[in-house]
Amino acid sequence: MEASNPAGSAILSESAARHAFVALAADAYRLEAALTFATVAMLRKPGLALIAGAGGGLTFDLEAVPAVDSAGLALLIDWLASARARSCELHYAKPAQTLLSLARLSEVEPLLSQ
C-alpha cells in the first residue's frame, strides 16, 4: 500500500517495497517502484535481503522504474557496495536514460554499466 507525503510523492509501505521486486529468474529481479527520496528507505532492506541470499551474481532489471532521483542513485550505489562486500556481482539491467544521465552528472555512470 502506498501513502502520500505532503509533497505528493508516493511513500511505500514495507509490504509494497517487498513486492516491488518481481522474480524473473533465480538470480534476476525486476524492480517495479520509483527510486526516489520518498521510496528508498523502504526499498533498501528488501534489496539487501536479495543480495544477502544471492549466490555469485544477481541482476536487478530497472526497466520498470518509473522515476529516479539522487536518493535512488545513492541506493543503487549502496546496494553495489553491499554486494561487493559479500563477493556478489550485482548488475543493473536496462537503466532508464534519466538514471544514466544522473549517474553521468554524478560521475558514477561506470558503476551502473559494468
C-alpha atoms as a PDB file:
ATOM      1  CA  MET A   1       0.000   0.000   0.000  1.00  0.00           C
ATOM      2  CA  GLU A   2       1.212   3.466  -0.816  1.00  0.00           C
ATOM      3  CA  ALA A   3       0.559   6.690   1.061  1.00  0.00           C
ATOM      4  CA  SER A   4       1.426  10.220   0.065  1.00  0.00           C
ATOM      5  CA  ASN A   5       3.713  12.635   1.784  1.00  0.00           C
ATOM      6  CA  PRO A   6       2.872  16.351   1.902  1.00  0.00           C
ATOM      7  CA  ALA A   7       4.748  16.941  -1.348  1.00  0.00           C
ATOM      8  CA  GLY A   8       2.524  14.402  -3.104  1.00  0.00           C
ATOM      9  CA  SER A   9       5.178  11.726  -3.705  1.00  0.00           C
ATOM     10  CA  ALA A  10       4.259   8.097  -3.106  1.00  0.00           C
ATOM     11  CA  ILE A  11       5.680   6.531   0.050  1.00  0.00           C
ATOM     12  CA  LEU A  12       5.948   2.737   0.001  1.00  0.00           C
ATOM     13  CA  SER A  13       4.728   0.519   2.786  1.00  0.00           C
ATOM     14  CA  GLU A  14       7.028  -2.289   3.892  1.00  0.00           C
ATOM     15  CA  SER A  15       4.831  -4.844   2.123  1.00  0.00           C
ATOM     16  CA  ALA A  16       4.736  -2.854  -1.120  1.00  0.00           C
ATOM     17  CA  ALA A  17       8.512  -2.460  -1.008  1.00  0.00           C
ATOM     18  CA  ARG A  18       8.988  -6.246  -0.745  1.00  0.00           C
ATOM     19  CA  HIS A  19       6.577  -6.823  -3.638  1.00  0.00           C
ATOM     20  CA  ALA A  20       8.359  -4.214  -5.778  1.00  0.00           C
ATOM     21  CA  PHE A  21      10.968  -6.891  -6.586  1.00  0.00           C
ATOM     22  CA  VAL A  22       9.466  -9.299  -9.108  1.00  0.00           C
ATOM     23  CA  ALA A  23      11.391 -12.536  -9.657  1.00  0.00           C
ATOM     24  CA  LEU A  24      12.373 -13.092 -13.284  1.00  0.00           C
ATOM     25  CA  ALA A  25      14.773 -15.960 -12.556  1.00  0.00           C
ATOM     26  CA  ALA A  26      16.616 -17.341  -9.548  1.00  0.00           C
ATOM     27  CA  ASP A  27      19.208 -14.588  -9.867  1.00  0.00           C
ATOM     28  CA  ALA A  28      17.236 -11.776 -11.530  1.00  0.00           C
ATOM     29  CA  TYR A  29      14.554  -9.411 -10.276  1.00  0.00           C
ATOM     30  CA  ARG A  30      12.638  -6.589 -11.935  1.00  0.00           C
ATOM     31  CA  LEU A  31      12.234  -3.540  -9.704  1.00  0.00           C
ATOM     32  CA  GLU A  32       8.772  -2.029 -10.101  1.00  0.00           C
ATOM     33  CA  ALA A  33       8.928   1.094  -7.936  1.00  0.00           C
ATOM     34  CA  ALA A  34      10.243   4.611  -8.142  1.00  0.00           C
ATOM     35  CA  LEU A  35      13.757   5.145  -6.830  1.00  0.00           C
ATOM     36  CA  THR A  36      13.215   8.462  -5.088  1.00  0.00           C
ATOM     37  CA  PHE A  37      13.733  10.110  -1.738  1.00  0.00           C
ATOM     38  CA  ALA A  38      10.203   9.009  -0.779  1.00  0.00           C
ATOM     39  CA  THR A  39      10.837   5.303  -1.509  1.00  0.00           C
ATOM     40  CA  VAL A  40      14.488   4.425  -0.936  1.00  0.00           C
ATOM     41  CA  ALA A  41      14.253   3.927   2.820  1.00  0.00           C
ATOM     42  CA  MET A  42      11.672   1.169   2.355  1.00  0.00           C
ATOM     43  CA  LEU A  43      13.344  -0.400  -0.712  1.00  0.00           C
ATOM     44  CA  ARG A  44      16.791  -0.664   0.859  1.00  0.00           C
ATOM     45  CA  LYS A  45      16.060  -3.589   3.194  1.00  0.00           C
ATOM     46  CA  PRO A  46      14.392  -5.934   0.657  1.00  0.00           C
ATOM     47  CA  GLY A  47      17.163  -5.188  -1.834  1.00  0.00           C
ATOM     48  CA  LEU A  48      19.805  -6.029   0.768  1.00  0.00           C
ATOM     49  CA  ALA A  49      17.954  -9.253   1.614  1.00  0.00           C
ATOM     50  CA  LEU A  50      18.074 -10.339  -2.036  1.00  0.00           C
ATOM     51  CA  ILE A  51      21.780  -9.523  -2.172  1.00  0.00           C
ATOM     52  CA  ALA A  52      22.429 -11.493   1.020  1.00  0.00           C
ATOM     53  CA  GLY A  53      20.626 -14.515  -0.418  1.00  0.00           C
ATOM     54  CA  ALA A  54      22.317 -14.385  -3.796  1.00  0.00           C
ATOM     55  CA  GLY A  55      24.997 -16.824  -4.782  1.00  0.00           C
ATOM     56  CA  GLY A  56      27.687 -15.463  -7.034  1.00  0.00           C
ATOM     57  CA  GLY A  57      25.649 -12.981  -9.040  1.00  0.00           C
ATOM     58  CA  LEU A  58      22.426 -11.029  -9.111  1.00  0.00           C
ATOM     59  CA  THR A  59      20.686  -8.761 -11.615  1.00  0.00           C
ATOM     60  CA  PHE A  60      18.195  -6.010 -10.891  1.00  0.00           C
ATOM     61  CA  ASP A  61      16.242  -5.089 -14.031  1.00  0.00           C
ATOM     62  CA  LEU A  62      15.436  -1.369 -13.817  1.00  0.00           C
ATOM     63  CA  GLU A  63      13.263  -1.093 -16.934  1.00  0.00           C
ATOM     64  CA  ALA A  64      10.025  -0.702 -14.921  1.00  0.00           C
ATOM     65  CA  VAL A  65      11.369   2.009 -12.581  1.00  0.00           C
ATOM     66  CA  PRO A  66       9.093   4.980 -13.328  1.00  0.00           C
ATOM     67  CA  ALA A  67      11.152   7.725 -11.637  1.00  0.00           C
ATOM     68  CA  VAL A  68      14.589   8.225 -10.152  1.00  0.00           C
ATOM     69  CA  ASP A  69      16.377  10.966  -8.264  1.00  0.00           C
ATOM     70  CA  SER A  70      19.716  11.353  -6.498  1.00  0.00           C
ATOM     71  CA  ALA A  71      18.485   9.371  -3.487  1.00  0.00           C
ATOM     72  CA  GLY A  72      17.636   6.478  -5.808  1.00  0.00           C
ATOM     73  CA  LEU A  73      21.068   6.653  -7.393  1.00  0.00           C
ATOM     74  CA  ALA A  74      22.629   6.590  -3.925  1.00  0.00           C
ATOM     75  CA  LEU A  75      20.607   3.468  -3.093  1.00  0.00           C
ATOM     76  CA  LEU A  76      21.868   1.693  -6.216  1.00  0.00           C
ATOM     77  CA  ILE A  77      25.440   2.523  -5.215  1.00  0.00           C
ATOM     78  CA  ASP A  78      24.758   1.323  -1.659  1.00  0.00           C
ATOM     79  CA  TRP A  79      23.478  -1.999  -2.999  1.00  0.00           C
ATOM     80  CA  LEU A  80      26.601  -2.338  -5.160  1.00  0.00           C
ATOM     81  CA  ALA A  81      28.827  -1.772  -2.126  1.00  0.00           C
ATOM     82  CA  SER A  82      26.881  -4.330  -0.087  1.00  0.00           C
ATOM     83  CA  ALA A  83      27.086  -6.869  -2.897  1.00  0.00           C
ATOM     84  CA  ARG A  84      30.822  -6.372  -3.306  1.00  0.00           C
ATOM     85  CA  ALA A  85      31.329  -6.808   0.442  1.00  0.00           C
ATOM     86  CA  ARG A  86      29.659 -10.225   0.050  1.00  0.00           C
ATOM     87  CA  SER A  87      31.646 -11.113  -3.104  1.00  0.00           C
ATOM     88  CA  CYS A  88      28.414 -10.978  -5.082  1.00  0.00           C
ATOM     89  CA  GLU A  89      28.374  -9.469  -8.574  1.00  0.00           C
ATOM     90  CA  LEU A  90      25.390  -7.142  -8.808  1.00  0.00           C
ATOM     91  CA  HIS A  91      24.355  -5.922 -12.262  1.00  0.00           C
ATOM     92  CA  TYR A  92      21.755  -3.365 -13.251  1.00  0.00           C
ATOM     93  CA  ALA A  93      19.926  -4.144 -16.478  1.00  0.00           C
ATOM     94  CA  LYS A  94      18.008  -1.679 -18.644  1.00  0.00           C
ATOM     95  CA  PRO A  95      18.537   1.523 -16.640  1.00  0.00           C
ATOM     96  CA  ALA A  96      16.463   4.439 -17.925  1.00  0.00           C
ATOM     97  CA  GLN A  97      18.181   7.257 -19.768  1.00  0.00           C
ATOM     98  CA  THR A  98      17.291   9.645 -16.921  1.00  0.00           C
ATOM     99  CA  LEU A  99      19.132   7.418 -14.465  1.00  0.00           C
ATOM    100  CA  LEU A 100      22.163   7.183 -16.736  1.00  0.00           C
ATOM    101  CA  SER A 101      22.167  10.961 -17.173  1.00  0.00           C
ATOM    102  CA  LEU A 102      22.032  11.478 -13.421  1.00  0.00           C
ATOM    103  CA  ALA A 103      24.836   8.960 -12.951  1.00  0.00           C
ATOM    104  CA  ARG A 104      26.903  10.707 -15.618  1.00  0.00           C
ATOM    105  CA  LEU A 105      26.434  14.081 -13.906  1.00  0.00           C
ATOM    106  CA  SER A 106      27.458  12.476 -10.610  1.00  0.00           C
ATOM    107  CA  GLU A 107      30.470  10.838 -12.293  1.00  0.00           C
ATOM    108  CA  VAL A 108      29.380   7.325 -11.291  1.00  0.00           C
ATOM    109  CA  GLU A 109      27.972   6.079 -14.612  1.00  0.00           C
ATOM    110  CA  PRO A 110      30.552   3.262 -14.910  1.00  0.00           C
ATOM    111  CA  LEU A 111      29.167   1.760 -11.696  1.00  0.00           C
ATOM    112  CA  LEU A 112      25.787   1.242 -13.333  1.00  0.00           C
ATOM    113  CA  SER A 113      27.003  -0.064 -16.661  1.00  0.00           C
ATOM    114  CA  GLN A 114      29.512  -2.704 -15.575  1.00  0.00           C
END
